[in-house]
């Protein structure tokens, strides 16, 4: 299975840099096996059945992108340099985060980066292209300072076109975000607003919340030709006993379990792989889903349109079949669907 098997041509003009407004007005491609229908997200009310269960990732994106200044004294006098930081994940010791630091080579261990009047960090260590930053604040004080100084960590393909702004603080967060810890949004969930949730509830579609803290590794490219040798990044997640019981009850009653987003799908499949059925689960998952994978939890998937040669293209190919996904993406490009994090959505229902 070669990386080139998951490639396709995507016109740059189809990469969305802002979401649809309102959220639920985005387009929705519905694929029932090989049959494709063009719709809009509000049409989910018609496509989902009473008794179906949507699985929603309630992770909350932190404003993980920071811009600061490094000050250094030398024989030539005081010098300053701009340092850009993207937080990755907190470490066991309070106040320490792993982070992408640019330029990491020019920052020495022990040097301080100032992000605001109240927030700064010292470089504690660096290895494998990442830095360990020791912040001067922890807990609620850190959260408050980060909210003031940080910006939303937009994906590279958006950040290359424009800087994050105040509107992204709302746009790049789901309406049910609850548990802080993600540095990327579960983007299929961005299409839901309160009116749509209410309409689905009236349709007797049910909801379960799980948590997977999406990491920056979700944007890392696959660098091996034989995709089966690719190593996934690990992300922390939890399926609570309540969520597991709800999904088991839906399965027993004949309803469909439909994760919203690849993050929710990867999490519930991780839980199912461990036990053979959907069960409570907590820990780090590096599950890699590619064609040949046996799905134990998900009956369908709502997801956005993904990057060529990405692990997410491999995931949807595993669910729908490679030839079907090629046809879906060719249709999406021809019909000018908007791609990636702020783009349109698809509802994928395998045969």
Protein backbone atom coordinates (compact mmCIF):
# COMPACT_ATOMS: atom_id res chain seq x y z
CA UNK A 1 0.00 0.00 0.00
CA UNK A 2 1.80 3.08 -1.28
CA UNK A 3 1.51 6.71 -0.22
CA UNK A 4 0.72 7.69 -3.81
CA UNK A 5 -2.49 5.62 -3.56
CA UNK A 6 -3.93 8.40 -1.38
CA UNK A 7 -2.96 11.39 -3.51
CA UNK A 8 -5.26 13.65 -5.52
CA UNK A 9 -5.07 17.04 -7.23
CA UNK A 10 -6.65 19.85 -5.24
CA UNK A 11 -6.95 23.40 -6.61
CA UNK A 12 -5.64 25.84 -4.01
CA UNK A 13 -8.75 27.98 -4.46
CA UNK A 14 -10.81 25.26 -2.76
CA UNK A 15 -8.92 25.55 0.55
CA UNK A 16 -11.24 27.42 2.94
CA UNK A 17 -9.76 30.15 5.12
CA UNK A 18 -13.04 31.10 6.84
CA UNK A 19 -16.02 28.92 7.79
CA UNK A 20 -19.54 29.11 6.40
CA UNK A 21 -21.94 31.37 8.28
CA UNK A 22 -24.03 30.21 9.95
CA UNK A 23 -22.05 27.09 10.75
CA UNK A 24 -24.79 24.69 9.68
CA UNK A 25 -25.14 26.30 6.23
CA UNK A 26 -21.98 24.53 4.98
CA UNK A 27 -22.41 22.04 2.17
CA UNK A 28 -22.70 18.33 2.95
CA UNK A 29 -21.71 15.54 0.58
CA UNK A 30 -23.60 12.37 1.51
CA UNK A 31 -22.11 9.11 0.29
CA UNK A 32 -24.14 5.93 0.78
CA UNK A 33 -21.65 3.45 -0.53
CA UNK A 34 -20.93 4.68 -4.06
CA UNK A 35 -24.12 6.78 -4.29
CA UNK A 36 -23.37 10.50 -3.85
CA UNK A 37 -25.89 13.22 -2.97
CA UNK A 38 -25.20 16.94 -2.62
CA UNK A 39 -26.85 18.49 0.43
CA UNK A 40 -26.24 21.00 3.23
CA UNK A 41 -25.42 20.33 6.87
CA UNK A 42 -28.93 21.22 8.04
CA UNK A 43 -30.13 18.25 5.94
CA UNK A 44 -28.61 15.92 8.55
CA UNK A 45 -32.08 15.93 10.10
CA UNK A 46 -33.29 14.04 7.02
CA UNK A 47 -30.32 11.70 6.66
CA UNK A 48 -30.15 10.55 10.29
CA UNK A 49 -32.73 8.20 11.77
CA UNK A 50 -34.48 8.28 15.15
CA UNK A 51 -32.30 6.23 17.48
CA UNK A 52 -29.03 7.06 15.73
CA UNK A 53 -26.31 8.31 18.08
CA UNK A 54 -23.80 11.03 17.20
CA UNK A 55 -20.53 10.77 19.11
CA UNK A 56 -19.11 14.23 19.80
CA UNK A 57 -15.59 15.15 20.87
CA UNK A 58 -15.86 17.72 23.68
CA UNK A 59 -12.19 18.72 23.71
CA UNK A 60 -11.53 22.47 23.94
CA UNK A 61 -8.84 24.15 21.84
CA UNK A 62 -6.43 26.28 23.83
CA UNK A 63 -4.93 29.48 22.32
CA UNK A 64 -1.67 27.61 21.90
CA UNK A 65 0.15 29.96 19.53
CA UNK A 66 2.35 32.53 21.27
CA UNK A 67 4.63 35.25 19.98
CA UNK A 68 7.32 36.49 22.33
CA UNK A 69 10.66 38.23 22.63
CA UNK A 70 14.00 36.82 23.74
CA UNK A 71 16.33 39.35 25.32
CA UNK A 72 20.09 38.71 25.45
CA UNK A 73 23.00 40.81 26.66
CA UNK A 74 26.26 40.65 24.73
CA UNK A 75 29.47 42.59 24.27
CA UNK A 76 27.70 44.54 21.54
CA UNK A 77 24.85 45.44 23.89
CA UNK A 78 21.36 44.12 24.49
CA UNK A 79 19.72 42.31 21.55
CA UNK A 80 16.20 41.09 21.04
CA UNK A 81 14.75 38.38 18.83
CA UNK A 82 11.20 37.37 17.99
CA UNK A 83 10.34 33.82 19.11
CA UNK A 84 7.24 31.97 17.88
CA UNK A 85 5.85 29.15 20.02
CA UNK A 86 3.11 26.55 19.50
CA UNK A 87 2.32 24.60 22.65
CA UNK A 88 1.99 20.84 22.15
CA UNK A 89 1.19 19.19 25.48
CA UNK A 90 1.69 19.72 29.22
CA UNK A 91 4.25 17.60 31.02
CA UNK A 92 3.92 15.84 34.38
CA UNK A 93 5.56 18.74 36.21
CA UNK A 94 3.23 21.72 36.52
CA UNK A 95 4.10 24.67 34.31
CA UNK A 96 6.20 22.74 31.78
CA UNK A 97 5.01 22.28 28.20
CA UNK A 98 6.53 20.67 25.15
CA UNK A 99 6.37 23.11 22.26
CA UNK A 100 7.40 23.89 18.72
CA UNK A 101 9.77 26.84 18.99
CA UNK A 102 10.95 28.94 16.04
CA UNK A 103 13.84 29.52 15.76
CA UNK A 104 14.77 26.82 18.28
CA UNK A 105 18.45 26.83 17.30
CA UNK A 106 18.86 30.45 18.37
CA UNK A 107 17.37 29.93 21.83
CA UNK A 108 19.74 28.65 24.53
CA UNK A 109 18.72 26.47 27.45
CA UNK A 110 17.91 28.73 30.38
CA UNK A 111 17.02 31.73 28.22
CA UNK A 112 13.73 33.49 28.83
CA UNK A 113 11.02 34.37 26.34
CA UNK A 114 8.58 37.11 27.34
CA UNK A 115 5.06 36.81 25.91
CA UNK A 116 3.25 39.50 27.89
CA UNK A 117 3.56 41.61 31.03
CA UNK A 118 2.55 38.60 33.12
CA UNK A 119 3.54 35.53 31.07
CA UNK A 120 7.03 34.30 30.30
CA UNK A 121 8.89 31.00 30.00
CA UNK A 122 12.43 29.66 30.22
CA UNK A 123 13.75 27.04 27.81
CA UNK A 124 14.32 23.99 30.05
CA UNK A 125 15.52 21.59 27.36
CA UNK A 126 15.35 20.83 23.66
CA UNK A 127 15.44 17.63 21.65
CA UNK A 128 14.12 16.23 18.36
CA UNK A 129 13.07 19.64 17.08
CA UNK A 130 10.97 20.50 20.12
CA UNK A 131 11.56 22.60 23.20
CA UNK A 132 10.52 22.17 26.82
CA UNK A 133 9.29 25.47 28.24
CA UNK A 134 8.98 26.20 31.96
CA UNK A 135 6.33 28.88 32.42
CA UNK A 136 6.21 31.29 35.32
CA UNK A 137 2.52 30.57 35.95
CA UNK A 138 0.46 27.44 36.52
CA UNK A 139 -3.18 26.47 36.90
CA UNK A 140 -5.89 29.08 36.52
CA UNK A 141 -3.30 31.89 36.44
CA UNK A 142 -1.63 30.28 33.43
CA UNK A 143 -4.97 29.70 31.68
CA UNK A 144 -5.96 33.35 32.14
CA UNK A 145 -2.59 34.67 30.91
CA UNK A 146 -2.64 32.30 27.93
CA UNK A 147 -6.13 33.47 26.99
CA UNK A 148 -4.83 37.04 26.85
CA UNK A 149 -1.50 36.43 25.11
CA UNK A 150 -2.23 33.41 22.89
CA UNK A 151 -3.91 32.97 19.52
CA UNK A 152 -5.79 30.03 18.07
CA UNK A 153 -3.39 27.49 16.49
CA UNK A 154 -4.79 27.54 12.98
CA UNK A 155 -3.64 24.71 10.69
CA UNK A 156 -0.55 25.48 8.57
CA UNK A 157 -2.53 25.71 5.33
CA UNK A 158 -4.66 28.52 6.82
CA UNK A 159 -1.88 30.20 8.79
CA UNK A 160 0.15 30.46 5.57
CA UNK A 161 -2.63 32.58 4.06
CA UNK A 162 -3.58 34.78 7.02
CA UNK A 163 -2.90 35.30 10.71
CA UNK A 164 -5.32 34.12 13.39
CA UNK A 165 -7.61 36.87 14.68
CA UNK A 166 -10.30 37.39 17.31
CA UNK A 167 -12.97 35.78 15.11
CA UNK A 168 -11.05 32.49 15.15
CA UNK A 169 -11.49 32.28 18.93
CA UNK A 170 -15.15 31.57 18.19
CA UNK A 171 -14.91 29.95 14.76
CA UNK A 172 -12.23 27.38 15.71
CA UNK A 173 -14.13 26.09 18.76
CA UNK A 174 -17.09 23.73 18.91
CA UNK A 175 -20.26 24.88 20.63
CA UNK A 176 -19.95 22.01 23.13
CA UNK A 177 -16.21 22.40 23.89
CA UNK A 178 -15.66 21.62 27.57
CA UNK A 179 -12.31 20.01 28.42
CA UNK A 180 -9.25 22.14 27.61
CA UNK A 181 -6.25 20.47 26.05
CA UNK A 182 -6.42 20.38 22.24
CA UNK A 183 -4.09 22.32 19.96
CA UNK A 184 -6.26 21.60 16.90
CA UNK A 185 -10.03 21.53 16.58
CA UNK A 186 -12.17 18.46 15.82
CA UNK A 187 -13.25 20.29 12.71
CA UNK A 188 -16.26 18.27 11.56
CA UNK A 189 -17.89 19.40 14.80
CA UNK A 190 -17.53 23.07 13.82
CA UNK A 191 -20.57 22.69 11.55
CA UNK A 192 -22.98 22.30 14.47
CA UNK A 193 -24.88 25.15 16.06
CA UNK A 194 -27.66 25.25 18.63
CA UNK A 195 -30.58 25.26 16.14
CA UNK A 196 -29.18 22.17 14.39
CA UNK A 197 -28.63 20.34 17.68
CA UNK A 198 -32.20 21.13 18.70
CA UNK A 199 -33.57 19.92 15.35
CA UNK A 200 -31.62 16.67 15.65
CA UNK A 201 -32.86 16.13 19.19
CA UNK A 202 -36.42 16.66 17.98
CA UNK A 203 -35.71 13.97 15.36
CA UNK A 204 -34.76 11.71 18.33
CA UNK A 205 -31.13 11.55 17.31
CA UNK A 206 -29.09 11.02 20.49
CA UNK A 207 -25.68 12.34 21.54
CA UNK A 208 -22.71 11.03 23.50
CA UNK A 209 -19.67 13.08 24.47
CA UNK A 210 -16.15 11.68 24.50
CA UNK A 211 -12.79 13.45 24.73
CA UNK A 212 -9.72 13.25 22.51
CA UNK A 213 -7.24 16.09 22.91
CA UNK A 214 -6.17 16.67 19.31
CA UNK A 215 -2.42 17.25 18.97
CA UNK A 216 -0.38 19.18 16.44
CA UNK A 217 0.81 15.84 15.11
CA UNK A 218 -2.49 15.61 13.24
CA UNK A 219 -0.88 17.89 10.62
CA UNK A 220 2.39 15.97 10.32
CA UNK A 221 2.96 14.58 6.82
CA UNK A 222 3.43 10.89 6.10
CA UNK A 223 7.07 10.50 5.06
CA UNK A 224 7.23 6.79 4.17
CA UNK A 225 6.23 5.25 0.84
CA UNK A 226 4.90 2.09 2.50
CA UNK A 227 2.10 3.61 4.56
CA UNK A 228 1.80 0.55 6.81
CA UNK A 229 5.15 1.50 8.37
CA UNK A 230 4.00 5.01 9.37
CA UNK A 231 4.07 5.74 13.12
CA UNK A 232 1.15 7.79 14.42
CA UNK A 233 1.46 10.47 17.09
CA UNK A 234 -0.21 9.67 20.42
CA UNK A 235 -3.13 11.66 21.82
CA UNK A 236 -4.90 11.40 25.17
CA UNK A 237 -8.54 10.42 25.20
CA UNK A 238 -11.36 9.13 27.36
CA UNK A 239 -14.59 7.23 26.79
CA UNK A 240 -16.51 7.51 30.06
CA UNK A 241 -18.64 4.66 31.46
CA UNK A 242 -21.72 6.78 30.66
CA UNK A 243 -20.74 7.25 27.00
CA UNK A 244 -19.82 3.58 26.62
CA UNK A 245 -23.17 2.50 28.10
CA UNK A 246 -25.06 4.87 25.79
CA UNK A 247 -23.33 3.52 22.70
CA UNK A 248 -23.88 -0.08 23.79
CA UNK A 249 -27.59 0.65 24.30
CA UNK A 250 -27.83 2.22 20.84
CA UNK A 251 -26.14 -0.78 19.25
CA UNK A 252 -28.47 -3.17 21.09
CA UNK A 253 -31.53 -1.17 19.96
CA UNK A 254 -30.44 -1.26 16.32
CA UNK A 255 -29.39 2.39 16.03
CA UNK A 256 -26.27 3.54 14.25
CA UNK A 257 -23.20 4.91 16.01
CA UNK A 258 -21.89 7.85 13.99
CA UNK A 259 -18.81 9.70 15.24
CA UNK A 260 -18.56 13.35 14.25
CA UNK A 261 -14.97 13.68 13.09
CA UNK A 262 -12.04 11.34 12.72
CA UNK A 263 -10.90 12.12 16.27
CA UNK A 264 -14.09 10.72 17.79
CA UNK A 265 -13.89 7.72 15.44
CA UNK A 266 -10.26 6.96 16.33
CA UNK A 267 -11.10 7.18 20.02
CA UNK A 268 -14.09 4.84 20.05
CA UNK A 269 -12.27 2.38 17.80
CA UNK A 270 -9.35 2.48 20.26
CA UNK A 271 -11.78 1.63 23.05
CA UNK A 272 -13.34 -1.17 21.00
CA UNK A 273 -9.99 -2.65 19.94
CA UNK A 274 -8.99 -3.00 23.59
CA UNK A 275 -12.11 -4.94 24.61
CA UNK A 276 -13.74 -6.24 21.42
CA UNK A 277 -16.75 -4.04 22.13
CA UNK A 278 -17.40 -0.43 23.08
CA UNK A 279 -16.28 -0.11 26.70
CA UNK A 280 -14.99 2.62 29.05
CA UNK A 281 -11.44 3.54 28.14
CA UNK A 282 -8.82 6.15 29.06
CA UNK A 283 -5.26 6.64 27.92
CA UNK A 284 -3.09 7.60 24.97
CA UNK A 285 -3.96 6.24 21.57
CA UNK A 286 -1.78 6.06 18.47
CA UNK A 287 -4.26 3.94 16.53
CA UNK A 288 -3.59 4.04 12.77
CA UNK A 289 -6.58 3.22 10.58
CA UNK A 290 -5.90 2.34 6.95
CA UNK A 291 -7.52 -0.01 4.41
CA UNK A 292 -7.92 -3.48 5.87
CA UNK A 293 -8.92 -2.20 9.31
CA UNK A 294 -11.91 -3.89 10.96
CA UNK A 295 -14.34 -1.34 12.39
CA UNK A 296 -15.91 -2.45 15.66
CA UNK A 297 -17.61 0.74 16.85
CA UNK A 298 -18.47 3.17 14.04
CA UNK A 299 -21.30 2.53 11.56
CA UNK A 300 -20.74 5.76 9.60
CA UNK A 301 -18.75 8.99 9.88
CA UNK A 302 -19.27 12.71 9.48
CA UNK A 303 -16.02 14.38 8.51
CA UNK A 304 -14.51 17.23 6.51
CA UNK A 305 -12.41 16.81 3.35
CA UNK A 306 -8.81 15.90 4.06
CA UNK A 307 -5.28 16.58 2.85
CA UNK A 308 -3.85 14.45 0.03
CA UNK A 309 -1.52 11.67 1.25
CA UNK A 310 -2.70 12.16 4.84
CA UNK A 311 -3.50 9.52 7.46
CA UNK A 312 -7.07 10.83 7.43
CA UNK A 313 -7.38 10.02 3.71
CA UNK A 314 -6.29 6.51 4.66
CA UNK A 315 -8.91 6.39 7.41
CA UNK A 316 -11.84 7.34 5.17
CA UNK A 317 -10.53 4.90 2.53
CA UNK A 318 -10.60 2.16 5.16
CA UNK A 319 -14.23 2.97 5.94
CA UNK A 320 -15.56 3.44 2.40
CA UNK A 321 -13.07 1.68 0.12
CA UNK A 322 -10.29 3.33 -1.88
CA UNK A 323 -12.12 3.45 -5.20
CA UNK A 324 -15.24 4.94 -3.58
CA UNK A 325 -13.19 7.62 -1.84
CA UNK A 326 -11.46 8.51 -5.10
CA UNK A 327 -14.89 9.03 -6.66
CA UNK A 328 -16.12 11.05 -3.66
CA UNK A 329 -13.12 13.38 -3.80
CA UNK A 330 -13.28 13.75 -7.58
CA UNK A 331 -16.93 14.77 -7.20
CA UNK A 332 -16.10 17.18 -4.37
CA UNK A 333 -13.41 18.89 -6.45
CA UNK A 334 -15.60 19.06 -9.56
CA UNK A 335 -18.49 20.54 -7.55
CA UNK A 336 -16.15 22.99 -5.79
CA UNK A 337 -16.69 21.85 -2.23
CA UNK A 338 -14.54 23.79 0.26
CA UNK A 339 -11.73 21.74 1.79
CA UNK A 340 -9.99 21.20 5.14
CA UNK A 341 -10.63 22.60 8.62
CA UNK A 342 -12.96 25.49 7.72
CA UNK A 343 -14.39 23.70 4.70
CA UNK A 344 -17.51 21.69 3.95
CA UNK A 345 -18.50 18.30 5.35
CA UNK A 346 -19.28 14.78 4.23
CA UNK A 347 -21.47 12.05 5.70
CA UNK A 348 -19.90 8.71 4.82
CA UNK A 349 -22.14 5.66 5.14
CA UNK A 350 -20.44 2.43 4.06
CA UNK A 351 -22.31 -0.30 2.24
